[in-house]
Amino acid sequence: SSPVAMPRSAQDVVQDLHALFAAAHLTGPYVLVGHSLGGLFIRLYAQTYPDQVRALAFVDAFPVEIPGLMGSDWPTYRQALDQPLPQFTNSPSFEEIDIDSSVAQVGAAPPLPPVPTVVMTRTEPFAVPGTVSPEQSGKLEQAWREASADLIALRPQTPHMIATGSDHFIQIHQPDLVVSGIRLVMQRSEPNR
C-alpha cells in the first residue's frame, strides 16, 4: 500500500474501504465483519453509507464507550493500544490509529442503520502489557463487558454469541463461531425475512 501520514482515523479507513469497493467494482450492499478496532470501522462505514450495508458482525469489537468507562485509566490503556504487536514492531507498514478521534467520529455520525447485527465476545481476559496494572486490567475487562452490552443494545434482537474459552482473537481460536455468526446475519438480512 501507499505510505500515508500517521496516525489515521476511522474516517480515513472508511474512505479507503469505500474507494476500494468502487475501484474493485463491487456492488453492495455488503456484509461487514470487524474485529477489535475493525468494529469501529465497520460501524462508522454503516453510519456513513447506510444503503451500502446489508449486515454487520462485530467480533470482540472495540465499543465506543470504552474510553468513558475506563475514566482516568484510559490514557494508560490507549498508550498500550497505540503500540504495535511484537511481530510488527519494526514494520514500516504498521498503521497507527487515533482512537480518540475515531471514537468521536462514530459519535458524531448518523445513527446506526437498521441492519441485522451480531456481536461475538470472548470469555478469556486480554493479554495486557506489563505497563498495565492488574487493577487496570480488571477495570478494562469490566468496561469491555459493559460496553459490549451497549453494542448489543444498538439494534433490537441482536444475537450475542459467546466464544467460551477464547481470548480476543476469536477468529483464530473459534473460526467456526465467526462463520456461524456471519451466516446468521446474512440469513436475517434476506429480503423475505
Foldseek 3Di string as FASTA:
>chain_A
DDDDDDAAELVVVLVVVVVVCVVVVPQALDEEEAAACRVLNVQLNCLVCVVNHAEYEYQLYDFLCLCVLLPPCNVLVVVQVQADDPVCNPPPPDHGYPSVVSSVSSVPTHARDAHAYEYEHEDDFDPGDPSQDPVSSVSSVVSSVVRSVVVQVSYPPHHYHYPYPDYSPCCVVPVVVSVVRSVVRVVVSPPVD
